[in-house]
């Protein structure tokens, strides 16, 4: 899996958009609708983010 800034992933009814990609951490936004770009901004380690994306599809 290659992660890049600006990617949008869909898992269930939630969308995850990568806002900032760094070597050890990912800043992402959780959204219900990707077109509005409104959601909660969170920062996690790259390992945690990959675990969250398990079963998700690139939108």
Protein backbone atom coordinates (compact mmCIF):
# COMPACT_ATOMS: atom_id res chain seq x y z
CA UNK A 1 0.00 0.00 0.00
CA UNK A 2 1.43 3.37 -0.96
CA UNK A 3 0.14 6.40 0.88
CA UNK A 4 0.22 9.85 -0.66
CA UNK A 5 -0.98 13.26 0.41
CA UNK A 6 -4.46 14.02 -0.91
CA UNK A 7 -5.64 10.41 -1.19
CA UNK A 8 -9.22 9.64 -0.17
CA UNK A 9 -10.01 6.22 1.30
CA UNK A 10 -13.50 4.82 1.95
CA UNK A 11 -14.29 2.36 4.72
CA UNK A 12 -17.95 1.67 5.37
CA UNK A 13 -19.74 5.03 5.39
CA UNK A 14 -16.67 7.07 6.35
CA UNK A 15 -14.07 8.70 4.14
CA UNK A 16 -10.48 9.41 5.19
CA UNK A 17 -8.50 12.09 3.34
CA UNK A 18 -4.74 12.36 3.93
CA UNK A 19 -4.03 16.02 4.66
CA UNK A 20 -0.33 15.77 5.59
CA UNK A 21 1.95 12.81 5.05
CA UNK A 22 5.19 12.68 7.02
CA UNK A 23 7.78 10.00 7.60
CA UNK A 24 6.36 8.79 10.91
CA UNK A 25 2.88 10.30 11.16
CA UNK A 26 -0.21 10.97 9.10
CA UNK A 27 -2.60 13.89 9.54
CA UNK A 28 -5.99 13.00 8.12
CA UNK A 29 -9.56 14.19 8.05
CA UNK A 30 -12.55 11.92 8.75
CA UNK A 31 -15.54 12.90 6.60
CA UNK A 32 -19.07 11.68 5.94
CA UNK A 33 -19.14 13.31 2.48
CA UNK A 34 -15.85 13.87 0.60
CA UNK A 35 -17.23 16.68 -1.59
CA UNK A 36 -17.93 19.02 1.36
CA UNK A 37 -14.45 18.48 2.85
CA UNK A 38 -15.85 19.04 6.35
CA UNK A 39 -14.76 16.73 9.11
CA UNK A 40 -12.57 16.05 12.10
CA UNK A 41 -8.80 16.47 11.73
CA UNK A 42 -6.65 13.87 13.52
CA UNK A 43 -2.97 12.92 13.69
CA UNK A 44 -1.82 9.31 14.15
CA UNK A 45 1.28 7.26 13.44
CA UNK A 46 1.63 5.70 10.03
CA UNK A 47 1.25 2.22 11.58
CA UNK A 48 -2.07 3.17 13.26
CA UNK A 49 -3.37 4.68 10.02
CA UNK A 50 -2.57 1.53 8.05
CA UNK A 51 -4.42 -0.53 10.66
CA UNK A 52 -7.44 1.78 10.33
CA UNK A 53 -7.44 1.36 6.55
CA UNK A 54 -7.58 -2.42 6.71
CA UNK A 55 -10.49 -3.38 4.43
CA UNK A 56 -10.79 0.14 2.99
CA UNK A 57 -10.80 1.03 -0.72
CA UNK A 58 -9.16 3.95 -2.48
CA UNK A 59 -11.98 6.27 -3.55
